[in-house]
C-alpha cells in the first residue's frame, strides 16, 4: 500500500522560504489527491494545501493562500510544498497526506518539523 515520506523541514527566520518534499512509495492513481496538513503545539490539526494528482488542481487554506504553493511530479510520485514569507505562526509539524477524496486524510506521512523564528 502507498506510504508517504516527508522531508525538508528545518529552522528558518521569518520572511524566508523553505520547500518540503513528499515521496510516495508507488505510482499513484490519477484520481489520487496529495496534500499537506500541519499541527502546532496546543492547536488542532490544520489543512494547508492539496493537489489532484491527475489534473493538478490545487486547494489552499486561507492562512497560506498567496504564500505557499503545492505542486507534484507525477513521474517521480512526489509532491512539494514551497513556502514563502514564512511567519512564526507557521511553526508546526507538517504532514504529507493522501487519499481518494478531498480533503485527503486516508494516508499520513511521519511528519517534518518546520520552525520559524522571529
PDB file of N, CA and C in Angstrom:
ATOM      1  N   UNK A   1       0.849  -1.197   0.000  1.00  0.00           N
ATOM      2  CA  UNK A   1       0.000   0.000   0.000  1.00  0.00           C
ATOM      3  C   UNK A   1       0.878   1.238   0.000  1.00  0.00           C
ATOM      4  N   UNK A   2       0.298   2.368  -0.371  1.00  0.00           N
ATOM      5  CA  UNK A   2       1.045   3.610  -0.502  1.00  0.00           C
ATOM      6  C   UNK A   2       1.585   4.064   0.849  1.00  0.00           C
ATOM      7  N   UNK A   3       2.859   4.419   0.860  1.00  0.00           N
ATOM      8  CA  UNK A   3       3.493   5.028   2.014  1.00  0.00           C
ATOM      9  C   UNK A   3       4.026   6.393   1.602  1.00  0.00           C
ATOM     10  N   UNK A   4       3.937   7.352   2.509  1.00  0.00           N
ATOM     11  CA  UNK A   4       4.360   8.717   2.245  1.00  0.00           C
ATOM     12  C   UNK A   4       5.472   9.113   3.201  1.00  0.00           C
ATOM     13  N   UNK A   5       6.514   9.731   2.662  1.00  0.00           N
ATOM     14  CA  UNK A   5       7.653  10.148   3.464  1.00  0.00           C
ATOM     15  C   UNK A   5       7.970  11.602   3.170  1.00  0.00           C
ATOM     16  N   UNK A   6       7.900  12.456   4.208  1.00  0.00           N
ATOM     17  CA  UNK A   6       8.193  13.876   4.058  1.00  0.00           C
ATOM     18  C   UNK A   6       9.648  14.171   4.401  1.00  0.00           C
ATOM     19  N   UNK A   7      10.127  15.286   3.874  1.00  0.00           N
ATOM     20  CA  UNK A   7      11.455  15.776   4.217  1.00  0.00           C
ATOM     21  C   UNK A   7      11.521  17.265   3.897  1.00  0.00           C
ATOM     22  N   UNK A   8      12.568  17.920   4.365  1.00  0.00           N
ATOM     23  CA  UNK A   8      12.804  19.313   4.033  1.00  0.00           C
ATOM     24  C   UNK A   8      12.548  20.304   5.146  1.00  0.00           C
ATOM     25  N   UNK A   9      12.055  19.843   6.282  1.00  0.00           N
ATOM     26  CA  UNK A   9      11.806  20.745   7.390  1.00  0.00           C
ATOM     27  C   UNK A   9      13.096  21.266   7.994  1.00  0.00           C
ATOM     28  N   UNK A  10      12.962  22.284   8.833  1.00  0.00           N
ATOM     29  CA  UNK A  10      14.125  22.855   9.477  1.00  0.00           C
ATOM     30  C   UNK A  10      13.791  24.137  10.193  1.00  0.00           C
ATOM     31  N   UNK A  11      14.834  24.842  10.609  1.00  0.00           N
ATOM     32  CA  UNK A  11      14.709  26.112  11.308  1.00  0.00           C
ATOM     33  C   UNK A  11      15.054  27.240  10.351  1.00  0.00           C
ATOM     34  N   UNK A  12      14.129  28.185  10.192  1.00  0.00           N
ATOM     35  CA  UNK A  12      14.347  29.323   9.306  1.00  0.00           C
ATOM     36  C   UNK A  12      13.881  30.602   9.982  1.00  0.00           C
ATOM     37  N   UNK A  13      14.391  31.725   9.512  1.00  0.00           N
ATOM     38  CA  UNK A  13      13.974  33.023  10.024  1.00  0.00           C
ATOM     39  C   UNK A  13      12.704  33.493   9.336  1.00  0.00           C
ATOM     40  N   UNK A  14      11.920  34.293  10.033  1.00  0.00           N
ATOM     41  CA  UNK A  14      10.708  34.857   9.456  1.00  0.00           C
ATOM     42  C   UNK A  14      11.031  35.599   8.165  1.00  0.00           C
ATOM     43  N   UNK A  15      10.161  35.436   7.185  1.00  0.00           N
ATOM     44  CA  UNK A  15      10.347  36.075   5.898  1.00  0.00           C
ATOM     45  C   UNK A  15      11.098  35.226   4.891  1.00  0.00           C
ATOM     46  N   UNK A  16      11.707  34.155   5.346  1.00  0.00           N
ATOM     47  CA  UNK A  16      12.478  33.287   4.460  1.00  0.00           C
ATOM     48  C   UNK A  16      11.595  32.215   3.829  1.00  0.00           C
ATOM     49  N   UNK A  17      12.209  31.380   3.013  1.00  0.00           N
ATOM     50  CA  UNK A  17      11.496  30.338   2.275  1.00  0.00           C
ATOM     51  C   UNK A  17      12.012  28.963   2.631  1.00  0.00           C
ATOM     52  N   UNK A  18      11.174  27.977   2.384  1.00  0.00           N
ATOM     53  CA  UNK A  18      11.524  26.588   2.642  1.00  0.00           C
ATOM     54  C   UNK A  18      10.665  25.713   1.735  1.00  0.00           C
ATOM     55  N   UNK A  19      11.226  24.608   1.276  1.00  0.00           N
ATOM     56  CA  UNK A  19      10.464  23.680   0.450  1.00  0.00           C
ATOM     57  C   UNK A  19      10.442  22.302   1.075  1.00  0.00           C
ATOM     58  N   UNK A  20       9.238  21.769   1.217  1.00  0.00           N
ATOM     59  CA  UNK A  20       9.042  20.425   1.724  1.00  0.00           C
ATOM     60  C   UNK A  20       8.787  19.467   0.571  1.00  0.00           C
ATOM     61  N   UNK A  21       9.215  18.226   0.739  1.00  0.00           N
ATOM     62  CA  UNK A  21       9.004  17.201  -0.269  1.00  0.00           C
ATOM     63  C   UNK A  21       8.293  16.009   0.343  1.00  0.00           C
ATOM     64  N   UNK A  22       7.518  15.327  -0.469  1.00  0.00           N
ATOM     65  CA  UNK A  22       6.820  14.121  -0.043  1.00  0.00           C
ATOM     66  C   UNK A  22       6.911  13.096  -1.151  1.00  0.00           C
ATOM     67  N   UNK A  23       7.512  11.959  -0.859  1.00  0.00           N
ATOM     68  CA  UNK A  23       7.679  10.897  -1.841  1.00  0.00           C
ATOM     69  C   UNK A  23       6.728   9.754  -1.527  1.00  0.00           C
ATOM     70  N   UNK A  24       5.951   9.348  -2.513  1.00  0.00           N
ATOM     71  CA  UNK A  24       5.067   8.197  -2.382  1.00  0.00           C
ATOM     72  C   UNK A  24       5.814   6.937  -2.794  1.00  0.00           C
ATOM     73  N   UNK A  25       5.499   5.832  -2.144  1.00  0.00           N
ATOM     74  CA  UNK A  25       6.234   4.594  -2.356  1.00  0.00           C
ATOM     75  C   UNK A  25       5.915   3.897  -3.668  1.00  0.00           C
ATOM     76  N   UNK A  26       4.855   4.301  -4.341  1.00  0.00           N
ATOM     77  CA  UNK A  26       4.460   3.667  -5.580  1.00  0.00           C
ATOM     78  C   UNK A  26       3.689   4.642  -6.454  1.00  0.00           C
ATOM     79  N   UNK A  27       3.485   4.251  -7.717  1.00  0.00           N
ATOM     80  CA  UNK A  27       2.741   5.094  -8.645  1.00  0.00           C
ATOM     81  C   UNK A  27       1.318   5.290  -8.148  1.00  0.00           C
ATOM     82  N   UNK A  28       0.820   6.497  -8.297  1.00  0.00           N
ATOM     83  CA  UNK A  28      -0.485   6.863  -7.784  1.00  0.00           C
ATOM     84  C   UNK A  28      -1.541   6.904  -8.885  1.00  0.00           C
ATOM     85  N   UNK A  29      -2.779   6.637  -8.506  1.00  0.00           N
ATOM     86  CA  UNK A  29      -3.896   6.782  -9.439  1.00  0.00           C
ATOM     87  C   UNK A  29      -4.044   8.242  -9.833  1.00  0.00           C
ATOM     88  N   UNK A  30      -4.585   8.476 -11.024  1.00  0.00           N
ATOM     89  CA  UNK A  30      -4.845   9.841 -11.467  1.00  0.00           C
ATOM     90  C   UNK A  30      -5.854  10.532 -10.559  1.00  0.00           C
ATOM     91  N   UNK A  31      -6.744   9.765  -9.961  1.00  0.00           N
ATOM     92  CA  UNK A  31      -7.764  10.321  -9.088  1.00  0.00           C
ATOM     93  C   UNK A  31      -7.251  10.601  -7.673  1.00  0.00           C
ATOM     94  N   UNK A  32      -6.018  10.204  -7.403  1.00  0.00           N
ATOM     95  CA  UNK A  32      -5.465  10.393  -6.074  1.00  0.00           C
ATOM     96  C   UNK A  32      -5.232  11.866  -5.778  1.00  0.00           C
ATOM     97  N   UNK A  33      -5.357  12.212  -4.519  1.00  0.00           N
ATOM     98  CA  UNK A  33      -5.117  13.580  -4.060  1.00  0.00           C
ATOM     99  C   UNK A  33      -4.016  13.554  -3.009  1.00  0.00           C
ATOM    100  N   UNK A  34      -3.029  14.408  -3.178  1.00  0.00           N
ATOM    101  CA  UNK A  34      -1.969  14.552  -2.194  1.00  0.00           C
ATOM    102  C   UNK A  34      -2.115  15.913  -1.523  1.00  0.00           C
ATOM    103  N   UNK A  35      -1.782  15.958  -0.264  1.00  0.00           N
ATOM    104  CA  UNK A  35      -1.955  17.207   0.449  1.00  0.00           C
ATOM    105  C   UNK A  35      -0.988  17.377   1.598  1.00  0.00           C
ATOM    106  N   UNK A  36      -1.141  18.499   2.252  1.00  0.00           N
ATOM    107  CA  UNK A  36      -0.340  18.823   3.425  1.00  0.00           C
ATOM    108  C   UNK A  36      -1.248  19.318   4.539  1.00  0.00           C
ATOM    109  N   UNK A  37      -1.033  18.786   5.724  1.00  0.00           N
ATOM    110  CA  UNK A  37      -1.640  19.273   6.949  1.00  0.00           C
ATOM    111  C   UNK A  37      -0.525  19.693   7.893  1.00  0.00           C
ATOM    112  N   UNK A  38      -0.875  20.457   8.902  1.00  0.00           N
ATOM    113  CA  UNK A  38       0.112  20.822   9.906  1.00  0.00           C
ATOM    114  C   UNK A  38      -0.543  20.867  11.279  1.00  0.00           C
ATOM    115  N   UNK A  39       0.283  20.687  12.298  1.00  0.00           N
ATOM    116  CA  UNK A  39      -0.200  20.749  13.662  1.00  0.00           C
ATOM    117  C   UNK A  39       0.833  21.456  14.531  1.00  0.00           C
ATOM    118  N   UNK A  40       0.400  22.552  15.136  1.00  0.00           N
ATOM    119  CA  UNK A  40       1.243  23.307  16.042  1.00  0.00           C
ATOM    120  C   UNK A  40       0.929  22.909  17.478  1.00  0.00           C
ATOM    121  N   UNK A  41       1.871  23.100  18.403  1.00  0.00           N
ATOM    122  CA  UNK A  41       1.620  22.756  19.804  1.00  0.00           C
ATOM    123  C   UNK A  41       0.381  23.454  20.348  1.00  0.00           C
ATOM    124  N   UNK A  42      -0.491  22.683  20.974  1.00  0.00           N
ATOM    125  CA  UNK A  42      -1.687  23.240  21.570  1.00  0.00           C
ATOM    126  C   UNK A  42      -2.785  23.599  20.600  1.00  0.00           C
ATOM    127  N   UNK A  43      -2.615  23.281  19.335  1.00  0.00           N
ATOM    128  CA  UNK A  43      -3.618  23.601  18.328  1.00  0.00           C
ATOM    129  C   UNK A  43      -4.074  22.344  17.605  1.00  0.00           C
ATOM    130  N   UNK A  44      -5.245  22.428  17.009  1.00  0.00           N
ATOM    131  CA  UNK A  44      -5.776  21.312  16.242  1.00  0.00           C
ATOM    132  C   UNK A  44      -5.058  21.163  14.918  1.00  0.00           C
ATOM    133  N   UNK A  45      -5.115  19.983  14.380  1.00  0.00           N
ATOM    134  CA  UNK A  45      -4.583  19.718  13.058  1.00  0.00           C
ATOM    135  C   UNK A  45      -5.260  20.624  12.043  1.00  0.00           C
ATOM    136  N   UNK A  46      -4.489  21.194  11.137  1.00  0.00           N
ATOM    137  CA  UNK A  46      -4.988  22.184  10.200  1.00  0.00           C
ATOM    138  C   UNK A  46      -4.639  21.813   8.765  1.00  0.00           C
ATOM    139  N   UNK A  47      -5.621  21.896   7.899  1.00  0.00           N
ATOM    140  CA  UNK A  47      -5.388  21.692   6.477  1.00  0.00           C
ATOM    141  C   UNK A  47      -4.565  22.843   5.916  1.00  0.00           C
ATOM    142  N   UNK A  48      -3.607  22.520   5.053  1.00  0.00           N
ATOM    143  CA  UNK A  48      -2.739  23.534   4.456  1.00  0.00           C
ATOM    144  C   UNK A  48      -2.986  23.661   2.959  1.00  0.00           C
ATOM    145  N   UNK A  49      -2.830  22.565   2.239  1.00  0.00           N
ATOM    146  CA  UNK A  49      -2.959  22.595   0.787  1.00  0.00           C
ATOM    147  C   UNK A  49      -3.161  21.190   0.256  1.00  0.00           C
ATOM    148  N   UNK A  50      -3.673  21.086  -0.957  1.00  0.00           N
ATOM    149  CA  UNK A  50      -3.855  19.796  -1.604  1.00  0.00           C
ATOM    150  C   UNK A  50      -3.762  19.958  -3.111  1.00  0.00           C
ATOM    151  N   UNK A  51      -3.464  18.864  -3.787  1.00  0.00           N
ATOM    152  CA  UNK A  51      -3.369  18.881  -5.239  1.00  0.00           C
ATOM    153  C   UNK A  51      -3.887  17.564  -5.802  1.00  0.00           C
ATOM    154  N   UNK A  52      -4.685  17.653  -6.836  1.00  0.00           N
ATOM    155  CA  UNK A  52      -5.162  16.456  -7.519  1.00  0.00           C
ATOM    156  C   UNK A  52      -4.050  15.924  -8.405  1.00  0.00           C
ATOM    157  N   UNK A  53      -3.704  14.665  -8.203  1.00  0.00           N
ATOM    158  CA  UNK A  53      -2.573  14.065  -8.885  1.00  0.00           C
ATOM    159  C   UNK A  53      -2.729  14.095 -10.401  1.00  0.00           C
ATOM    160  N   UNK A  54      -3.948  13.884 -10.878  1.00  0.00           N
ATOM    161  CA  UNK A  54      -4.178  13.816 -12.308  1.00  0.00           C
ATOM    162  C   UNK A  54      -4.278  15.165 -12.994  1.00  0.00           C
ATOM    163  N   UNK A  55      -5.080  16.052 -12.451  1.00  0.00           N
ATOM    164  CA  UNK A  55      -5.360  17.328 -13.102  1.00  0.00           C
ATOM    165  C   UNK A  55      -4.450  18.461 -12.653  1.00  0.00           C
ATOM    166  N   UNK A  56      -3.873  18.350 -11.475  1.00  0.00           N
ATOM    167  CA  UNK A  56      -3.045  19.414 -10.942  1.00  0.00           C
ATOM    168  C   UNK A  56      -3.822  20.526 -10.264  1.00  0.00           C
ATOM    169  N   UNK A  57      -5.124  20.362 -10.132  1.00  0.00           N
ATOM    170  CA  UNK A  57      -5.918  21.370  -9.444  1.00  0.00           C
ATOM    171  C   UNK A  57      -5.475  21.477  -7.999  1.00  0.00           C
ATOM    172  N   UNK A  58      -5.357  22.707  -7.513  1.00  0.00           N
ATOM    173  CA  UNK A  58      -4.834  22.945  -6.172  1.00  0.00           C
ATOM    174  C   UNK A  58      -5.872  23.574  -5.267  1.00  0.00           C
ATOM    175  N   UNK A  59      -5.661  23.394  -3.972  1.00  0.00           N
ATOM    176  CA  UNK A  59      -6.523  23.945  -2.941  1.00  0.00           C
ATOM    177  C   UNK A  59      -5.633  24.463  -1.819  1.00  0.00           C
ATOM    178  N   UNK A  60      -6.019  25.590  -1.221  1.00  0.00           N
ATOM    179  CA  UNK A  60      -5.234  26.180  -0.151  1.00  0.00           C
ATOM    180  C   UNK A  60      -6.129  26.663   0.977  1.00  0.00           C
ATOM    181  N   UNK A  61      -5.594  26.615   2.177  1.00  0.00           N
ATOM    182  CA  UNK A  61      -6.275  27.235   3.295  1.00  0.00           C
ATOM    183  C   UNK A  61      -6.075  28.743   3.221  1.00  0.00           C
ATOM    184  N   UNK A  62      -6.970  29.485   3.842  1.00  0.00           N
ATOM    185  CA  UNK A  62      -6.859  30.938   3.824  1.00  0.00           C
ATOM    186  C   UNK A  62      -5.568  31.418   4.481  1.00  0.00           C
ATOM    187  N   UNK A  63      -5.076  30.684   5.454  1.00  0.00           N
ATOM    188  CA  UNK A  63      -3.904  31.110   6.198  1.00  0.00           C
ATOM    189  C   UNK A  63      -2.616  31.072   5.381  1.00  0.00           C
ATOM    190  N   UNK A  64      -2.585  30.312   4.295  1.00  0.00           N
ATOM    191  CA  UNK A  64      -1.370  30.193   3.493  1.00  0.00           C
ATOM    192  C   UNK A  64      -1.560  30.672   2.062  1.00  0.00           C
ATOM    193  N   UNK A  65      -2.765  30.993   1.672  1.00  0.00           N
ATOM    194  CA  UNK A  65      -3.057  31.445   0.314  1.00  0.00           C
ATOM    195  C   UNK A  65      -2.156  32.617  -0.060  1.00  0.00           C
ATOM    196  N   UNK A  66      -1.500  32.497  -1.209  1.00  0.00           N
ATOM    197  CA  UNK A  66      -0.627  33.554  -1.684  1.00  0.00           C
ATOM    198  C   UNK A  66       0.800  33.450  -1.203  1.00  0.00           C
ATOM    199  N   UNK A  67       1.059  32.611  -0.209  1.00  0.00           N
ATOM    200  CA  UNK A  67       2.415  32.443   0.314  1.00  0.00           C
ATOM    201  C   UNK A  67       2.985  31.057   0.017  1.00  0.00           C
ATOM    202  N   UNK A  68       2.135  30.040   0.041  1.00  0.00           N
ATOM    203  CA  UNK A  68       2.569  28.666  -0.193  1.00  0.00           C
ATOM    204  C   UNK A  68       2.100  28.199  -1.567  1.00  0.00           C
ATOM    205  N   UNK A  69       2.837  27.274  -2.144  1.00  0.00           N
ATOM    206  CA  UNK A  69       2.458  26.686  -3.419  1.00  0.00           C
ATOM    207  C   UNK A  69       2.696  25.184  -3.380  1.00  0.00           C
ATOM    208  N   UNK A  70       1.663  24.422  -3.693  1.00  0.00           N
ATOM    209  CA  UNK A  70       1.791  22.974  -3.756  1.00  0.00           C
ATOM    210  C   UNK A  70       1.946  22.560  -5.212  1.00  0.00           C
ATOM    211  N   UNK A  71       2.777  21.568  -5.448  1.00  0.00           N
ATOM    212  CA  UNK A  71       2.986  21.051  -6.793  1.00  0.00           C
ATOM    213  C   UNK A  71       3.288  19.565  -6.705  1.00  0.00           C
ATOM    214  N   UNK A  72       3.326  18.896  -7.851  1.00  0.00           N
ATOM    215  CA  UNK A  72       3.673  17.488  -7.852  1.00  0.00           C
ATOM    216  C   UNK A  72       4.389  17.114  -9.143  1.00  0.00           C
ATOM    217  N   UNK A  73       5.202  16.085  -9.060  1.00  0.00           N
ATOM    218  CA  UNK A  73       5.880  15.499 -10.199  1.00  0.00           C
ATOM    219  C   UNK A  73       5.314  14.093 -10.346  1.00  0.00           C
ATOM    220  N   UNK A  74       4.469  13.902 -11.330  1.00  0.00           N
ATOM    221  CA  UNK A  74       3.796  12.615 -11.489  1.00  0.00           C
ATOM    222  C   UNK A  74       4.788  11.482 -11.755  1.00  0.00           C
ATOM    223  N   UNK A  75       5.812  11.757 -12.543  1.00  0.00           N
ATOM    224  CA  UNK A  75       6.782  10.726 -12.881  1.00  0.00           C
ATOM    225  C   UNK A  75       7.557  10.252 -11.659  1.00  0.00           C
ATOM    226  N   UNK A  76       7.780  11.142 -10.713  1.00  0.00           N
ATOM    227  CA  UNK A  76       8.553  10.808  -9.521  1.00  0.00           C
ATOM    228  C   UNK A  76       7.676  10.519  -8.308  1.00  0.00           C
ATOM    229  N   UNK A  77       6.354  10.558  -8.484  1.00  0.00           N
ATOM    230  CA  UNK A  77       5.416  10.298  -7.389  1.00  0.00           C
ATOM    231  C   UNK A  77       5.737  11.168  -6.177  1.00  0.00           C
ATOM    232  N   UNK A  78       5.991  12.424  -6.446  1.00  0.00           N
ATOM    233  CA  UNK A  78       6.439  13.341  -5.418  1.00  0.00           C
ATOM    234  C   UNK A  78       5.592  14.596  -5.395  1.00  0.00           C
ATOM    235  N   UNK A  79       5.264  15.053  -4.194  1.00  0.00           N
ATOM    236  CA  UNK A  79       4.572  16.316  -4.005  1.00  0.00           C
ATOM    237  C   UNK A  79       5.489  17.273  -3.262  1.00  0.00           C
ATOM    238  N   UNK A  80       5.320  18.557  -3.522  1.00  0.00           N
ATOM    239  CA  UNK A  80       6.143  19.578  -2.896  1.00  0.00           C
ATOM    240  C   UNK A  80       5.258  20.646  -2.273  1.00  0.00           C
ATOM    241  N   UNK A  81       5.774  21.271  -1.250  1.00  0.00           N
ATOM    242  CA  UNK A  81       5.140  22.442  -0.678  1.00  0.00           C
ATOM    243  C   UNK A  81       6.200  23.531  -0.588  1.00  0.00           C
ATOM    244  N   UNK A  82       6.106  24.518  -1.478  1.00  0.00           N
ATOM    245  CA  UNK A  82       7.021  25.647  -1.476  1.00  0.00           C
ATOM    246  C   UNK A  82       6.436  26.738  -0.593  1.00  0.00           C
ATOM    247  N   UNK A  83       7.152  27.094   0.446  1.00  0.00           N
ATOM    248  CA  UNK A  83       6.669  28.052   1.422  1.00  0.00           C
ATOM    249  C   UNK A  83       7.496  29.327   1.348  1.00  0.00           C
ATOM    250  N   UNK A  84       6.832  30.455   1.158  1.00  0.00           N
ATOM    251  CA  UNK A  84       7.467  31.763   1.117  1.00  0.00           C
ATOM    252  C   UNK A  84       6.918  32.642   2.235  1.00  0.00           C
ATOM    253  N   UNK A  85       7.663  33.690   2.533  1.00  0.00           N
ATOM    254  CA  UNK A  85       7.238  34.673   3.535  1.00  0.00           C
ATOM    255  C   UNK A  85       6.783  33.998   4.818  1.00  0.00           C
ATOM    256  N   UNK A  86       7.594  33.099   5.297  1.00  0.00           N
ATOM    257  CA  UNK A  86       7.231  32.319   6.479  1.00  0.00           C
ATOM    258  C   UNK A  86       7.081  33.200   7.711  1.00  0.00           C
ATOM    259  N   UNK A  87       6.115  32.851   8.533  1.00  0.00           N
ATOM    260  CA  UNK A  87       5.815  33.562   9.764  1.00  0.00           C
ATOM    261  C   UNK A  87       6.016  32.628  10.951  1.00  0.00           C
ATOM    262  N   UNK A  88       6.268  33.188  12.130  1.00  0.00           N
ATOM    263  CA  UNK A  88       6.351  32.321  13.321  1.00  0.00           C
ATOM    264  C   UNK A  88       5.117  31.448  13.516  1.00  0.00           C
ATOM    265  N   UNK A  89       3.949  31.937  13.122  1.00  0.00           N
ATOM    266  CA  UNK A  89       2.721  31.157  13.252  1.00  0.00           C
ATOM    267  C   UNK A  89       2.685  29.942  12.330  1.00  0.00           C
ATOM    268  N   UNK A  90       3.597  29.879  11.377  1.00  0.00           N
ATOM    269  CA  UNK A  90       3.692  28.715  10.503  1.00  0.00           C
ATOM    270  C   UNK A  90       4.425  27.561  11.175  1.00  0.00           C
ATOM    271  N   UNK A  91       5.018  27.802  12.327  1.00  0.00           N
ATOM    272  CA  UNK A  91       5.736  26.758  13.043  1.00  0.00           C
ATOM    273  C   UNK A  91       4.796  25.613  13.387  1.00  0.00           C
ATOM    274  N   UNK A  92       5.163  24.419  12.961  1.00  0.00           N
ATOM    275  CA  UNK A  92       4.316  23.245  13.172  1.00  0.00           C
ATOM    276  C   UNK A  92       5.018  22.016  12.637  1.00  0.00           C
ATOM    277  N   UNK A  93       4.461  20.867  12.946  1.00  0.00           N
ATOM    278  CA  UNK A  93       4.845  19.647  12.264  1.00  0.00           C
ATOM    279  C   UNK A  93       3.984  19.546  11.016  1.00  0.00           C
ATOM    280  N   UNK A  94       4.621  19.400   9.880  1.00  0.00           N
ATOM    281  CA  UNK A  94       3.919  19.316   8.609  1.00  0.00           C
ATOM    282  C   UNK A  94       3.842  17.867   8.160  1.00  0.00           C
ATOM    283  N   UNK A  95       2.633  17.438   7.813  1.00  0.00           N
ATOM    284  CA  UNK A  95       2.390  16.066   7.398  1.00  0.00           C
ATOM    285  C   UNK A  95       1.952  16.014   5.943  1.00  0.00           C
ATOM    286  N   UNK A  96       2.552  15.134   5.194  1.00  0.00           N
ATOM    287  CA  UNK A  96       2.075  14.822   3.860  1.00  0.00           C
ATOM    288  C   UNK A  96       0.928  13.835   3.979  1.00  0.00           C
ATOM    289  N   UNK A  97      -0.119  14.044   3.198  1.00  0.00           N
ATOM    290  CA  UNK A  97      -1.282  13.162   3.259  1.00  0.00           C
ATOM    291  C   UNK A  97      -1.715  12.747   1.865  1.00  0.00           C
ATOM    292  N   UNK A  98      -2.526  11.701   1.814  1.00  0.00           N
ATOM    293  CA  UNK A  98      -3.049  11.237   0.543  1.00  0.00           C
ATOM    294  C   UNK A  98      -4.383  10.546   0.711  1.00  0.00           C
ATOM    295  N   UNK A  99      -5.146  10.500  -0.364  1.00  0.00           N
ATOM    296  CA  UNK A  99      -6.427   9.835  -0.344  1.00  0.00           C
ATOM    297  C   UNK A  99      -7.171  10.047  -1.641  1.00  0.00           C
ATOM    298  N   UNK A 100      -8.281   9.368  -1.788  1.00  0.00           N
ATOM    299  CA  UNK A 100      -9.072   9.464  -3.000  1.00  0.00           C
ATOM    300  C   UNK A 100     -10.164  10.521  -2.910  1.00  0.00           C
ATOM    301  N   UNK A 101     -10.351  11.088  -1.722  1.00  0.00           N
ATOM    302  CA  UNK A 101     -11.365  12.108  -1.532  1.00  0.00           C
ATOM    303  C   UNK A 101     -10.734  13.353  -0.924  1.00  0.00           C
ATOM    304  N   UNK A 102     -11.352  14.488  -1.207  1.00  0.00           N
ATOM    305  CA  UNK A 102     -10.890  15.750  -0.677  1.00  0.00           C
ATOM    306  C   UNK A 102     -11.663  16.130   0.576  1.00  0.00           C
ATOM    307  N   UNK A 103     -10.988  16.595   1.615  1.00  0.00           N
ATOM    308  CA  UNK A 103      -9.543  16.659   1.772  1.00  0.00           C
ATOM    309  C   UNK A 103      -8.933  15.287   2.029  1.00  0.00           C
ATOM    310  N   UNK A 104      -7.724  15.056   1.563  1.00  0.00           N
ATOM    311  CA  UNK A 104      -7.107  13.736   1.693  1.00  0.00           C
ATOM    312  C   UNK A 104      -6.618  13.474   3.113  1.00  0.00           C
ATOM    313  N   UNK A 105      -7.146  12.430   3.720  1.00  0.00           N
ATOM    314  CA  UNK A 105      -6.776  12.075   5.089  1.00  0.00           C
ATOM    315  C   UNK A 105      -6.579  10.583   5.280  1.00  0.00           C
ATOM    316  N   UNK A 106      -6.591   9.805   4.196  1.00  0.00           N
ATOM    317  CA  UNK A 106      -6.501   8.357   4.314  1.00  0.00           C
ATOM    318  C   UNK A 106      -5.113   7.900   4.730  1.00  0.00           C
ATOM    319  N   UNK A 107      -4.078   8.482   4.128  1.00  0.00           N
ATOM    320  CA  UNK A 107      -2.695   8.119   4.413  1.00  0.00           C
ATOM    321  C   UNK A 107      -1.944   9.322   4.970  1.00  0.00           C
ATOM    322  N   UNK A 108      -1.039   9.042   5.881  1.00  0.00           N
ATOM    323  CA  UNK A 108      -0.253  10.092   6.525  1.00  0.00           C
ATOM    324  C   UNK A 108       1.214   9.730   6.547  1.00  0.00           C
ATOM    325  N   UNK A 109       2.063  10.726   6.314  1.00  0.00           N
ATOM    326  CA  UNK A 109       3.488  10.552   6.482  1.00  0.00           C
ATOM    327  C   UNK A 109       3.867  10.707   7.939  1.00  0.00           C
ATOM    328  N   UNK A 110       5.159  10.640   8.215  1.00  0.00           N
ATOM    329  CA  UNK A 110       5.634  10.693   9.594  1.00  0.00           C
ATOM    330  C   UNK A 110       5.739  12.112  10.136  1.00  0.00           C
ATOM    331  N   UNK A 111       5.721  13.097   9.263  1.00  0.00           N
ATOM    332  CA  UNK A 111       5.807  14.486   9.664  1.00  0.00           C
ATOM    333  C   UNK A 111       7.221  15.027   9.611  1.00  0.00           C
ATOM    334  N   UNK A 112       7.331  16.317   9.333  1.00  0.00           N
ATOM    335  CA  UNK A 112       8.616  17.001   9.350  1.00  0.00           C
ATOM    336  C   UNK A 112       8.439  18.352  10.039  1.00  0.00           C
ATOM    337  N   UNK A 113       9.355  18.679  10.935  1.00  0.00           N
ATOM    338  CA  UNK A 113       9.221  19.878  11.756  1.00  0.00           C
ATOM    339  C   UNK A 113       9.673  21.119  10.999  1.00  0.00           C
ATOM    340  N   UNK A 114       8.834  22.143  11.019  1.00  0.00           N
ATOM    341  CA  UNK A 114       9.181  23.458  10.490  1.00  0.00           C
ATOM    342  C   UNK A 114       9.110  24.451  11.636  1.00  0.00           C
ATOM    343  N   UNK A 115      10.211  25.129  11.895  1.00  0.00           N
ATOM    344  CA  UNK A 115      10.264  26.119  12.962  1.00  0.00           C
ATOM    345  C   UNK A 115      10.692  27.457  12.369  1.00  0.00           C
ATOM    346  N   UNK A 116       9.875  28.480  12.588  1.00  0.00           N
ATOM    347  CA  UNK A 116      10.144  29.815  12.056  1.00  0.00           C
ATOM    348  C   UNK A 116      10.421  30.753  13.223  1.00  0.00           C
ATOM    349  N   UNK A 117      11.603  31.322  13.253  1.00  0.00           N
ATOM    350  CA  UNK A 117      12.000  32.218  14.327  1.00  0.00           C
ATOM    351  C   UNK A 117      11.700  33.664  13.965  1.00  0.00           C
ATOM    352  N   UNK A 118      11.512  34.495  14.988  1.00  0.00           N
ATOM    353  CA  UNK A 118      11.215  35.910  14.789  1.00  0.00           C
ATOM    354  C   UNK A 118      12.457  36.685  14.390  1.00  0.00           C
TER     355      UNK A 118
END
